C-alpha atoms as a PDB file:
ATOM      1  CA  MET A   1       0.031   0.074   0.003  1.00  0.00           C
ATOM      2  CA  ASN A   2       1.502   3.298  -0.918  1.00  0.00           C
ATOM      3  CA  LYS A   3       2.561   5.633   1.922  1.00  0.00           C
ATOM      4  CA  GLN A   4       0.660   9.224   1.677  1.00  0.00           C
ATOM      5  CA  LEU A   5       2.235  12.349   2.595  1.00  0.00           C
ATOM      6  CA  SER A   6       1.885  13.172   6.572  1.00  0.00           C
ATOM      7  CA  LEU A   7      -0.113  16.263   7.233  1.00  0.00           C
ATOM      8  CA  PHE A   8       2.512  18.613   8.335  1.00  0.00           C
ATOM      9  CA  ASP A   9       4.625  16.159  10.537  1.00  0.00           C
ATOM     10  CA  TYR A  10       7.406  18.928  11.541  1.00  0.00           C
ATOM     11  CA  ASN A  11       8.011  17.147  15.145  1.00  0.00           C
ATOM     12  CA  LYS A  12      10.399  14.055  13.910  1.00  0.00           C
ATOM     13  CA  THR A  13      13.928  14.482  15.494  1.00  0.00           C
ATOM     14  CA  ASN A  14      17.063  14.504  13.416  1.00  0.00           C
ATOM     15  CA  ASN A  15      20.615  13.187  13.919  1.00  0.00           C
ATOM     16  CA  LEU A  16      22.156  16.728  15.225  1.00  0.00           C
ATOM     17  CA  ARG A  17      23.372  16.548  18.270  1.00  0.00           C
ATOM     18  CA  ALA A  18      24.612  20.008  20.016  1.00  0.00           C
ATOM     19  CA  GLU A  19      25.789  21.172  23.238  1.00  0.00           C
ATOM     20  CA  GLU A  20      23.273  23.780  24.965  1.00  0.00           C
ATOM     21  CA  HIS A  21      24.708  27.349  25.507  1.00  0.00           C
ATOM     22  CA  LYS A  22      24.487  28.368  29.043  1.00  0.00           C
ATOM     23  CA  PRO A  23      21.704  31.240  29.125  1.00  0.00           C
ATOM     24  CA  SER A  24      22.837  34.558  29.565  1.00  0.00           C
ATOM     25  CA  PRO A  25      22.457  36.023  33.080  1.00  0.00           C
ATOM     26  CA  THR A  26      19.743  38.286  31.775  1.00  0.00           C
ATOM     27  CA  VAL A  27      17.651  35.275  30.566  1.00  0.00           C
ATOM     28  CA  GLN A  28      18.548  32.841  33.441  1.00  0.00           C
ATOM     29  CA  HIS A  29      16.602  35.137  35.749  1.00  0.00           C
ATOM     30  CA  ALA A  30      13.935  36.011  33.533  1.00  0.00           C
ATOM     31  CA  THR A  31      10.536  35.098  34.996  1.00  0.00           C
ATOM     32  CA  ASP A  32       7.038  34.711  33.577  1.00  0.00           C
ATOM     33  CA  SER A  33       6.276  38.561  35.205  1.00  0.00           C
ATOM     34  CA  VAL A  34       8.961  40.128  33.029  1.00  0.00           C
ATOM     35  CA  PRO A  35       7.410  40.656  29.460  1.00  0.00           C
ATOM     36  CA  ALA A  36       9.883  39.787  26.530  1.00  0.00           C
ATOM     37  CA  SER A  37      10.056  43.243  25.527  1.00  0.00           C
ATOM     38  CA  ASN A  38      11.710  44.347  28.532  1.00  0.00           C
ATOM     39  CA  LEU A  39      14.187  41.603  28.005  1.00  0.00           C
ATOM     40  CA  LEU A  40      14.924  41.986  24.106  1.00  0.00           C
ATOM     41  CA  ASN A  41      16.170  44.757  21.771  1.00  0.00           C
ATOM     42  CA  PRO A  42      18.141  44.909  18.355  1.00  0.00           C
ATOM     43  CA  ASP A  43      21.512  44.436  20.327  1.00  0.00           C
ATOM     44  CA  THR A  44      20.409  41.190  21.976  1.00  0.00           C
ATOM     45  CA  SER A  45      22.454  38.079  20.838  1.00  0.00           C
ATOM     46  CA  VAL A  46      20.558  35.570  18.861  1.00  0.00           C
ATOM     47  CA  SER A  47      21.700  32.816  21.491  1.00  0.00           C
ATOM     48  CA  ALA A  48      20.144  34.914  24.636  1.00  0.00           C
ATOM     49  CA  ALA A  49      16.894  35.478  22.240  1.00  0.00           C
ATOM     50  CA  LEU A  50      16.518  32.172  21.788  1.00  0.00           C
ATOM     51  CA  GLU A  51      16.488  31.357  25.548  1.00  0.00           C
ATOM     52  CA  VAL A  52      13.434  33.818  26.066  1.00  0.00           C
ATOM     53  CA  TRP A  53      11.902  32.375  22.942  1.00  0.00           C
ATOM     54  CA  LEU A  54      12.008  28.920  24.089  1.00  0.00           C
ATOM     55  CA  GLN A  55      10.772  29.711  27.571  1.00  0.00           C
ATOM     56  CA  SER A  56       7.872  31.371  26.105  1.00  0.00           C
ATOM     57  CA  ARG A  57       6.986  28.259  23.832  1.00  0.00           C
ATOM     58  CA  ARG A  58       7.163  26.071  27.095  1.00  0.00           C
ATOM     59  CA  ARG A  59       4.687  28.194  28.536  1.00  0.00           C
ATOM     60  CA  ALA A  60       2.430  28.130  25.703  1.00  0.00           C
ATOM     61  CA  GLY A  61       2.366  24.306  26.024  1.00  0.00           C
ATOM     62  CA  LEU A  62       4.402  23.133  23.236  1.00  0.00           C
ATOM     63  CA  SER A  63       5.830  19.368  23.808  1.00  0.00           C
ATOM     64  CA  GLU A  64       9.505  19.157  24.750  1.00  0.00           C
ATOM     65  CA  ASN A  65      10.302  17.690  21.396  1.00  0.00           C
ATOM     66  CA  THR A  66       9.176  20.401  19.598  1.00  0.00           C
ATOM     67  CA  ILE A  67      10.921  22.892  21.717  1.00  0.00           C
ATOM     68  CA  LYS A  68      14.299  20.543  21.506  1.00  0.00           C
ATOM     69  CA  ASN A  69      13.880  20.686  17.595  1.00  0.00           C
ATOM     70  CA  TYR A  70      13.371  24.294  18.223  1.00  0.00           C
ATOM     71  CA  ARG A  71      16.595  24.528  19.736  1.00  0.00           C
ATOM     72  CA  ILE A  72      18.604  22.637  17.741  1.00  0.00           C
ATOM     73  CA  ASP A  73      16.921  24.628  14.514  1.00  0.00           C
ATOM     74  CA  ILE A  74      18.017  27.938  15.899  1.00  0.00           C
ATOM     75  CA  ARG A  75      21.328  26.844  17.450  1.00  0.00           C
ATOM     76  CA  LEU A  76      22.570  25.947  14.057  1.00  0.00           C
ATOM     77  CA  LEU A  77      21.421  29.584  12.898  1.00  0.00           C
ATOM     78  CA  ALA A  78      23.883  31.077  15.833  1.00  0.00           C
ATOM     79  CA  GLU A  79      26.642  28.630  14.473  1.00  0.00           C
ATOM     80  CA  TYR A  80      26.466  30.104  11.257  1.00  0.00           C
ATOM     81  CA  ALA A  81      26.423  33.707  12.548  1.00  0.00           C
ATOM     82  CA  GLY A  82      28.166  33.293  15.591  1.00  0.00           C
ATOM     83  CA  ALA A  83      26.464  33.283  18.965  1.00  0.00           C
ATOM     84  CA  GLY A  84      27.211  36.733  19.843  1.00  0.00           C
ATOM     85  CA  ALA A  85      25.456  38.009  16.515  1.00  0.00           C
ATOM     86  CA  ALA A  86      22.848  40.642  17.385  1.00  0.00           C
ATOM     87  CA  VAL A  87      19.105  39.863  16.444  1.00  0.00           C
ATOM     88  CA  GLY A  88      19.245  43.188  14.623  1.00  0.00           C
ATOM     89  CA  GLU A  89      22.124  42.195  12.383  1.00  0.00           C
ATOM     90  CA  PHE A  90      20.216  39.644  10.338  1.00  0.00           C
ATOM     91  CA  THR A  91      18.455  40.210   7.035  1.00  0.00           C
ATOM     92  CA  THR A  92      16.476  38.175   4.615  1.00  0.00           C
ATOM     93  CA  LYS A  93      19.777  37.924   2.631  1.00  0.00           C
ATOM     94  CA  THR A  94      21.890  36.524   5.634  1.00  0.00           C
ATOM     95  CA  LEU A  95      18.756  33.902   6.172  1.00  0.00           C
ATOM     96  CA  ASN A  96      19.032  32.742   2.637  1.00  0.00           C
ATOM     97  CA  ASP A  97      22.884  32.789   2.745  1.00  0.00           C
ATOM     98  CA  TYR A  98      22.541  30.594   5.620  1.00  0.00           C
ATOM     99  CA  LEU A  99      20.014  28.295   3.938  1.00  0.00           C
ATOM    100  CA  GLU A 100      22.049  28.109   1.182  1.00  0.00           C
ATOM    101  CA  TRP A 101      25.244  27.118   3.574  1.00  0.00           C
ATOM    102  CA  MET A 102      23.077  24.460   5.312  1.00  0.00           C
ATOM    103  CA  ARG A 103      21.983  22.970   2.051  1.00  0.00           C
ATOM    104  CA  HIS A 104      25.146  22.747  -0.029  1.00  0.00           C
ATOM    105  CA  GLN A 105      28.152  23.790   1.952  1.00  0.00           C
ATOM    106  CA  ARG A 106      28.100  22.114   5.300  1.00  0.00           C
ATOM    107  CA  ARG A 107      29.252  18.889   5.576  1.00  0.00           C
ATOM    108  CA  ILE A 108      25.990  17.269   7.319  1.00  0.00           C
ATOM    109  CA  PRO A 109      23.650  16.182   4.807  1.00  0.00           C
ATOM    110  CA  CYS A 110      20.135  18.102   4.994  1.00  0.00           C
ATOM    111  CA  SER A 111      17.053  16.241   3.926  1.00  0.00           C
ATOM    112  CA  THR A 112      14.045  17.956   2.517  1.00  0.00           C
ATOM    113  CA  LYS A 113      11.934  17.483   5.344  1.00  0.00           C
ATOM    114  CA  THR A 114      14.582  18.637   7.663  1.00  0.00           C
ATOM    115  CA  LEU A 115      15.036  21.817   5.620  1.00  0.00           C
ATOM    116  CA  ASP A 116      11.360  22.451   5.554  1.00  0.00           C
ATOM    117  CA  ARG A 117      11.250  22.155   9.347  1.00  0.00           C
ATOM    118  CA  ARG A 118      14.323  24.521   9.860  1.00  0.00           C
ATOM    119  CA  ILE A 119      12.695  26.956   7.586  1.00  0.00           C
ATOM    120  CA  THR A 120       9.485  26.695   9.813  1.00  0.00           C
ATOM    121  CA  SER A 121      11.441  27.214  13.136  1.00  0.00           C
ATOM    122  CA  LEU A 122      13.279  30.475  11.565  1.00  0.00           C
ATOM    123  CA  LYS A 123       9.814  31.795  10.383  1.00  0.00           C
ATOM    124  CA  SER A 124       8.571  30.964  14.123  1.00  0.00           C
ATOM    125  CA  PHE A 125      11.415  32.505  15.829  1.00  0.00           C
ATOM    126  CA  PHE A 126      11.660  35.732  13.827  1.00  0.00           C
ATOM    127  CA  ARG A 127       7.583  36.141  13.912  1.00  0.00           C
ATOM    128  CA  TRP A 128       7.618  36.230  17.459  1.00  0.00           C
ATOM    129  CA  LEU A 129      11.181  38.017  18.024  1.00  0.00           C
ATOM    130  CA  THR A 130      10.143  41.169  15.413  1.00  0.00           C
ATOM    131  CA  PRO A 131       7.676  42.933  17.595  1.00  0.00           C
ATOM    132  CA  VAL A 132       9.240  42.063  21.048  1.00  0.00           C
ATOM    133  CA  SER A 133      12.721  43.131  20.298  1.00  0.00           C
ATOM    134  CA  GLY A 134      11.775  46.142  18.631  1.00  0.00           C
ATOM    135  CA  LEU A 135      12.792  45.203  15.029  1.00  0.00           C
ATOM    136  CA  THR A 136      11.125  47.006  12.242  1.00  0.00           C
ATOM    137  CA  VAL A 137      11.040  44.207   9.592  1.00  0.00           C
ATOM    138  CA  ASP A 138      10.654  40.560   9.865  1.00  0.00           C
ATOM    139  CA  PRO A 139      13.599  39.133   8.007  1.00  0.00           C
ATOM    140  CA  ALA A 140      12.298  35.507   7.812  1.00  0.00           C
ATOM    141  CA  ASP A 141       8.996  36.727   6.210  1.00  0.00           C
ATOM    142  CA  ALA A 142      10.256  36.029   2.635  1.00  0.00           C
ATOM    143  CA  VAL A 143      12.329  33.099   3.490  1.00  0.00           C
ATOM    144  CA  VAL A 144       9.768  30.649   2.479  1.00  0.00           C
ATOM    145  CA  ASN A 145      10.253  31.288  -1.194  1.00  0.00           C
ATOM    146  CA  VAL A 146      13.667  29.317  -0.716  1.00  0.00           C
ATOM    147  CA  SER A 147      12.203  26.014   0.754  1.00  0.00           C
ATOM    148  CA  VAL A 148      12.252  22.972  -0.991  1.00  0.00           C
ATOM    149  CA  ARG A 149       8.842  21.882  -0.815  1.00  0.00           C
ATOM    150  CA  SER A 150       7.615  18.393  -0.257  1.00  0.00           C
ATOM    151  CA  PRO A 151       5.227  17.133  -3.293  1.00  0.00           C
ATOM    152  CA  LEU A 152       1.560  18.312  -2.820  1.00  0.00           C
ATOM    153  CA  PRO A 153      -0.453  15.386  -1.254  1.00  0.00           C
ATOM    154  CA  VAL A 154      -2.793  13.126  -3.338  1.00  0.00           C
ATOM    155  CA  VAL A 155      -6.608  13.800  -2.778  1.00  0.00           C
ATOM    156  CA  LEU A 156      -9.462  12.285  -4.684  1.00  0.00           C
ATOM    157  CA  THR A 157     -11.568  14.120  -7.390  1.00  0.00           C
ATOM    158  CA  GLU A 158     -15.367  14.471  -6.869  1.00  0.00           C
ATOM    159  CA  LEU A 159     -15.689  12.090  -9.655  1.00  0.00           C
ATOM    160  CA  GLU A 160     -13.592   9.710  -7.340  1.00  0.00           C
ATOM    161  CA  ILE A 161     -15.256  10.205  -4.247  1.00  0.00           C
ATOM    162  CA  SER A 162     -18.838   9.326  -6.150  1.00  0.00           C
ATOM    163  CA  GLN A 163     -16.914   6.297  -7.424  1.00  0.00           C
ATOM    164  CA  ALA A 164     -15.405   5.359  -4.322  1.00  0.00           C
ATOM    165  CA  GLN A 165     -19.044   5.766  -2.375  1.00  0.00           C
ATOM    166  CA  HIS A 166     -20.908   3.818  -4.904  1.00  0.00           C
ATOM    167  CA  ALA A 167     -17.981   0.866  -4.442  1.00  0.00           C
ATOM    168  CA  ALA A 168     -18.656   0.956  -0.520  1.00  0.00           C
ATOM    169  CA  VAL A 169     -22.292   0.879  -0.905  1.00  0.00           C
ATOM    170  CA  LYS A 170     -21.718  -2.466  -3.114  1.00  0.00           C
ATOM    171  CA  LEU A 171     -19.527  -3.937  -0.541  1.00  0.00           C
ATOM    172  CA  MET A 172     -22.017  -3.274   2.124  1.00  0.00           C
ATOM    173  CA  LYS A 173     -25.041  -4.802   0.411  1.00  0.00           C
ATOM    174  CA  ARG A 174     -23.552  -7.939  -0.967  1.00  0.00           C
ATOM    175  CA  LYS A 175     -25.603 -10.736  -0.361  1.00  0.00           C
ATOM    176  CA  LYS A 176     -22.751 -12.776   1.048  1.00  0.00           C
ATOM    177  CA  LYS A 177     -20.559 -11.495   3.473  1.00  0.00           C
ATOM    178  CA  GLY A 178     -22.108  -7.738   3.264  1.00  0.00           C
ATOM    179  CA  ASP A 179     -19.506  -5.693   4.884  1.00  0.00           C
ATOM    180  CA  MET A 180     -20.658  -1.765   6.579  1.00  0.00           C
ATOM    181  CA  ARG A 181     -16.979  -1.059   7.511  1.00  0.00           C
ATOM    182  CA  PRO A 182     -15.598   0.293   4.325  1.00  0.00           C
ATOM    183  CA  TYR A 183     -18.601   2.621   3.960  1.00  0.00           C
ATOM    184  CA  ILE A 184     -19.018   3.836   7.816  1.00  0.00           C
ATOM    185  CA  LEU A 185     -15.102   4.329   7.715  1.00  0.00           C
ATOM    186  CA  PHE A 186     -15.020   6.141   4.299  1.00  0.00           C
ATOM    187  CA  THR A 187     -17.793   8.704   5.013  1.00  0.00           C
ATOM    188  CA  PHE A 188     -16.585   9.309   8.372  1.00  0.00           C
ATOM    189  CA  LEU A 189     -12.950  10.256   7.294  1.00  0.00           C
ATOM    190  CA  LEU A 190     -14.480  12.194   4.300  1.00  0.00           C
ATOM    191  CA  HIS A 191     -16.560  14.436   6.408  1.00  0.00           C
ATOM    192  CA  THR A 192     -14.609  14.758   9.690  1.00  0.00           C
ATOM    193  CA  GLY A 193     -10.819  14.764   8.333  1.00  0.00           C
ATOM    194  CA  LEU A 194      -9.634  13.046  11.722  1.00  0.00           C
ATOM    195  CA  ARG A 195      -5.987  11.764  11.518  1.00  0.00           C
ATOM    196  CA  LYS A 196      -5.341   7.586  11.734  1.00  0.00           C
ATOM    197  CA  GLY A 197      -4.267   7.491  15.625  1.00  0.00           C
ATOM    198  CA  GLU A 198      -7.418   9.794  16.519  1.00  0.00           C
ATOM    199  CA  THR A 199      -9.760   7.467  14.592  1.00  0.00           C
ATOM    200  CA  VAL A 200      -8.575   4.148  16.162  1.00  0.00           C
ATOM    201  CA  ARG A 201      -8.880   5.663  19.631  1.00  0.00           C
ATOM    202  CA  LEU A 202     -12.231   7.321  19.115  1.00  0.00           C
ATOM    203  CA  VAL A 203     -14.818   5.516  21.652  1.00  0.00           C
ATOM    204  CA  SER A 204     -18.648   5.730  21.656  1.00  0.00           C
ATOM    205  CA  ASN A 205     -18.791   8.272  24.661  1.00  0.00           C
ATOM    206  CA  HIS A 206     -17.037  10.931  22.760  1.00  0.00           C
ATOM    207  CA  LEU A 207     -20.199  11.033  20.197  1.00  0.00           C
ATOM    208  CA  VAL A 208     -23.029  13.439  20.895  1.00  0.00           C
ATOM    209  CA  LEU A 209     -25.582  12.214  18.354  1.00  0.00           C
ATOM    210  CA  GLU A 210     -28.721  12.832  20.399  1.00  0.00           C
ATOM    211  CA  ASN A 211     -30.635  15.900  21.778  1.00  0.00           C
ATOM    212  CA  SER A 212     -28.574  18.174  19.603  1.00  0.00           C
ATOM    213  CA  ASP A 213     -29.280  20.068  16.065  1.00  0.00           C
ATOM    214  CA  GLN A 214     -25.912  19.476  15.118  1.00  0.00           C
ATOM    215  CA  PRO A 215     -24.332  16.010  16.223  1.00  0.00           C
ATOM    216  CA  TYR A 216     -20.613  16.327  16.545  1.00  0.00           C
ATOM    217  CA  LEU A 217     -17.687  14.265  18.443  1.00  0.00           C
ATOM    218  CA  TYR A 218     -14.879  15.196  20.935  1.00  0.00           C
ATOM    219  CA  VAL A 219     -11.379  14.394  20.094  1.00  0.00           C
ATOM    220  CA  ARG A 220      -9.387  13.803  23.419  1.00  0.00           C
ATOM    221  CA  TYR A 221      -5.899  12.959  24.136  1.00  0.00           C
ATOM    222  CA  SER A 222      -4.726  11.662  27.308  1.00  0.00           C
ATOM    223  CA  ASP A 223      -1.308  12.847  26.909  1.00  0.00           C
ATOM    224  CA  LYS A 224      -1.046  16.610  28.031  1.00  0.00           C
ATOM    225  CA  ARG A 225       1.575  17.596  25.817  1.00  0.00           C
ATOM    226  CA  HIS A 226      -1.293  17.414  22.734  1.00  0.00           C
ATOM    227  CA  ILE A 227      -4.090  19.096  24.526  1.00  0.00           C
ATOM    228  CA  HIS A 228      -3.875  21.778  21.722  1.00  0.00           C
ATOM    229  CA  LYS A 229      -5.062  18.981  19.557  1.00  0.00           C
ATOM    230  CA  GLU A 230      -8.514  18.243  21.538  1.00  0.00           C
ATOM    231  CA  ARG A 231     -11.495  19.840  19.812  1.00  0.00           C
ATOM    232  CA  LYS A 232     -15.081  19.612  18.707  1.00  0.00           C
ATOM    233  CA  VAL A 233     -15.886  18.319  15.269  1.00  0.00           C
ATOM    234  CA  GLU A 234     -19.334  18.305  13.600  1.00  0.00           C
ATOM    235  CA  LEU A 235     -20.741  15.014  12.138  1.00  0.00           C
ATOM    236  CA  ASN A 236     -22.902  14.610   9.120  1.00  0.00           C
ATOM    237  CA  ALA A 237     -26.182  13.866   9.965  1.00  0.00           C
ATOM    238  CA  ASP A 238     -26.657  11.300   7.150  1.00  0.00           C
ATOM    239  CA  TRP A 239     -23.669   9.482   8.589  1.00  0.00           C
ATOM    240  CA  VAL A 240     -25.153   9.418  12.197  1.00  0.00           C
ATOM    241  CA  GLU A 241     -28.303   7.435  10.755  1.00  0.00           C
ATOM    242  CA  ASP A 242     -25.859   4.973   9.352  1.00  0.00           C
ATOM    243  CA  TYR A 243     -23.425   4.648  12.374  1.00  0.00           C
ATOM    244  CA  ALA A 244     -26.840   3.621  14.556  1.00  0.00           C
ATOM    245  CA  LYS A 245     -27.201   0.434  12.145  1.00  0.00           C
ATOM    246  CA  TYR A 246     -23.299  -0.351  12.284  1.00  0.00           C
ATOM    247  CA  SER A 247     -23.072   0.105  15.905  1.00  0.00           C
ATOM    248  CA  GLU A 248     -25.829  -2.365  16.573  1.00  0.00           C
ATOM    249  CA  HIS A 249     -24.755  -4.761  13.879  1.00  0.00           C
ATOM    250  CA  TYR A 250     -21.025  -5.005  15.213  1.00  0.00           C
ATOM    251  CA  GLY A 251     -21.860  -4.781  18.928  1.00  0.00           C
ATOM    252  CA  VAL A 252     -19.977  -1.192  19.198  1.00  0.00           C
ATOM    253  CA  ASN A 253     -19.912  -0.454  22.963  1.00  0.00           C
ATOM    254  CA  GLU A 254     -16.633   1.242  23.492  1.00  0.00           C
ATOM    255  CA  ARG A 255     -14.377   1.952  20.550  1.00  0.00           C
ATOM    256  CA  VAL A 256     -16.021   3.178  17.584  1.00  0.00           C
ATOM    257  CA  PHE A 257     -13.856   1.007  15.041  1.00  0.00           C
ATOM    258  CA  PRO A 258     -12.781  -1.831  17.239  1.00  0.00           C
ATOM    259  CA  TRP A 259     -10.114  -3.438  14.738  1.00  0.00           C
ATOM    260  CA  SER A 260      -6.595  -2.977  14.339  1.00  0.00           C
ATOM    261  CA  VAL A 261      -5.193  -0.169  12.202  1.00  0.00           C
ATOM    262  CA  ARG A 262      -4.245  -2.605   9.425  1.00  0.00           C
ATOM    263  CA  LEU A 263      -7.558  -4.116   9.066  1.00  0.00           C
ATOM    264  CA  LEU A 264      -9.077  -0.578   8.507  1.00  0.00           C
ATOM    265  CA  GLU A 265      -6.554   0.339   5.875  1.00  0.00           C
ATOM    266  CA  TYR A 266      -7.610  -3.117   4.119  1.00  0.00           C
ATOM    267  CA  ARG A 267     -11.140  -1.811   4.066  1.00  0.00           C
ATOM    268  CA  LEU A 268     -10.312   1.488   2.732  1.00  0.00           C
ATOM    269  CA  GLU A 269      -7.834  -0.578   0.135  1.00  0.00           C
ATOM    270  CA  ASP A 270     -11.074  -2.723  -0.666  1.00  0.00           C
ATOM    271  CA  ILE A 271     -12.898   0.345  -1.948  1.00  0.00           C
ATOM    272  CA  SER A 272      -9.969   1.334  -4.075  1.00  0.00           C
ATOM    273  CA  ASN A 273     -10.115  -1.851  -5.686  1.00  0.00           C
ATOM    274  CA  SER A 274     -13.839  -2.349  -5.829  1.00  0.00           C
ATOM    275  CA  ALA A 275     -14.098   1.347  -7.430  1.00  0.00           C
ATOM    276  CA  GLY A 276     -11.085   0.354  -9.775  1.00  0.00           C
ATOM    277  CA  LEU A 277      -9.331   3.657  -8.673  1.00  0.00           C
ATOM    278  CA  SER A 278      -5.446   3.954  -9.683  1.00  0.00           C
ATOM    279  CA  LYS A 279      -5.232   5.624  -6.092  1.00  0.00           C
ATOM    280  CA  HIS A 280      -4.764   3.814  -3.042  1.00  0.00           C
ATOM    281  CA  ILE A 281      -7.515   5.280  -0.544  1.00  0.00           C
ATOM    282  CA  SER A 282      -5.916   5.977   2.800  1.00  0.00           C
ATOM    283  CA  PHE A 283      -6.474   7.635   6.164  1.00  0.00           C
ATOM    284  CA  GLU A 284      -4.255  10.475   5.166  1.00  0.00           C
ATOM    285  CA  MET A 285      -5.690  10.984   1.466  1.00  0.00           C
ATOM    286  CA  LEU A 286      -9.155  11.321   3.007  1.00  0.00           C
ATOM    287  CA  ARG A 287      -7.769  13.926   5.686  1.00  0.00           C
ATOM    288  CA  TRP A 288      -6.395  15.848   3.048  1.00  0.00           C
ATOM    289  CA  THR A 289      -9.541  15.626   0.775  1.00  0.00           C
ATOM    290  CA  CYS A 290     -11.641  16.624   3.790  1.00  0.00           C
ATOM    291  CA  ALA A 291      -9.473  19.822   4.044  1.00  0.00           C
ATOM    292  CA  LEU A 292      -9.702  20.664   0.297  1.00  0.00           C
ATOM    293  CA  ARG A 293     -13.247  20.273   0.149  1.00  0.00           C
ATOM    294  CA  ASP A 294     -13.967  22.199   3.442  1.00  0.00           C
ATOM    295  CA  PHE A 295     -11.682  24.924   2.345  1.00  0.00           C
ATOM    296  CA  ARG A 296     -13.021  25.058  -1.498  1.00  0.00           C
ATOM    297  CA  ASP A 297     -16.947  25.127   0.107  1.00  0.00           C
ATOM    298  CA  GLY A 298     -16.066  28.184   2.129  1.00  0.00           C
ATOM    299  CA  MET A 299     -15.263  26.943   5.766  1.00  0.00           C
ATOM    300  CA  GLU A 300     -13.799  30.327   7.391  1.00  0.00           C
ATOM    301  CA  PRO A 301     -10.006  29.164   7.672  1.00  0.00           C
ATOM    302  CA  GLU A 302      -9.850  29.251  11.445  1.00  0.00           C
ATOM    303  CA  LYS A 303     -12.592  27.182  11.956  1.00  0.00           C
ATOM    304  CA  LEU A 304     -11.003  24.755   9.422  1.00  0.00           C
ATOM    305  CA  ARG A 305      -7.714  24.863  11.154  1.00  0.00           C
ATOM    306  CA  ARG A 306      -9.326  23.834  14.587  1.00  0.00           C
ATOM    307  CA  LYS A 307     -11.529  21.355  13.038  1.00  0.00           C
ATOM    308  CA  LEU A 308      -8.107  19.480  11.816  1.00  0.00           C
ATOM    309  CA  GLY A 309      -6.492  20.219  15.116  1.00  0.00           C
ATOM    310  CA  LEU A 310      -3.376  22.082  13.442  1.00  0.00           C
ATOM    311  CA  SER A 311      -1.186  24.762  15.425  1.00  0.00           C
ATOM    312  CA  LYS A 312      -0.977  27.989  13.609  1.00  0.00           C
ATOM    313  CA  VAL A 313       2.639  27.412  12.173  1.00  0.00           C
ATOM    314  CA  GLN A 314       1.338  24.115  10.864  1.00  0.00           C
ATOM    315  CA  TRP A 315      -1.865  25.699   9.506  1.00  0.00           C
ATOM    316  CA  GLY A 316       0.608  27.837   7.133  1.00  0.00           C
ATOM    317  CA  GLU A 317       2.033  25.220   5.231  1.00  0.00           C
ATOM    318  CA  VAL A 318      -1.339  23.133   4.891  1.00  0.00           C
ATOM    319  CA  ARG A 319      -3.069  26.420   3.616  1.00  0.00           C
ATOM    320  CA  ARG A 320      -0.483  27.020   1.249  1.00  0.00           C
ATOM    321  CA  LYS A 321      -0.930  23.257  -0.032  1.00  0.00           C
ATOM    322  CA  ILE A 322      -4.614  23.467  -0.172  1.00  0.00           C
ATOM    323  CA  ARG A 323      -4.286  26.557  -2.255  1.00  0.00           C
ATOM    324  CA  LYS A 324      -2.004  24.765  -4.429  1.00  0.00           C
ATOM    325  CA  LEU A 325      -4.128  21.972  -4.862  1.00  0.00           C
ATOM    326  CA  LEU A 326      -7.163  24.159  -5.683  1.00  0.00           C
ATOM    327  CA  GLU A 327      -5.180  25.900  -8.603  1.00  0.00           C
END
């Protein structure tokens, strides 16, 4: 089965290992009660600004893995420019030269995915830094143009969606061994855009189907590091009707899809084969297809970002790709 492009997976670690700089005295004694604007100015070193930024990211609830990657990425910039380089010295040209060095002159290889992540880190760092340090221009604002972008995700066209739904209905209504699971799973993912892990962890008491004008579900995470991904997602009314028959037929008591990930992937592949599609339908393909359709149909961007459970940094890249797909 072909692997689909992961929806903005920027949190994977790489092999870079670097010692951490000891924070400057000013940063070391910074407290939550001291605004970053009182600690930073254009003459602040990039290393000192990094420590203040990481403190703010930790207070914002970002995971330690994300903070670790941010530290690695901006420390690499400090290595290139010099740890004492003042933040006011950085220009778009400086950052473009740095990325050129990292791709072609540094002796450690840099993959496309790692480069994309480091550009994201740069943009996030300077977007935060520009107002709090009194910079007049964000030097990273135009840096996105030098990124070697990953390919656009594969999505289903409206014709392919229609063909897939027809095939899923046929699988459900077979005289022998009719299977409702492909249809229920396909229509669920098409309308909710949930991640694979969120789908297999979903339990029935997180569905609110009755006594509500608009049925919905809650996406929950037991790990507090992912609390920013928790959200409320509306459900399609037709799916709710079909789900009642499905849950009764399969005796669903706890997990909404009480099977292994592999088996559920096979059920989606059954639809691809039955419909005669050249594309291999997957969780990720349906997540992107859902996002594309919602955006195309006029869903307010901030509402769509929350529906997908994306951070604002992640959403910037996802939105760019959705626009490209619409073109």
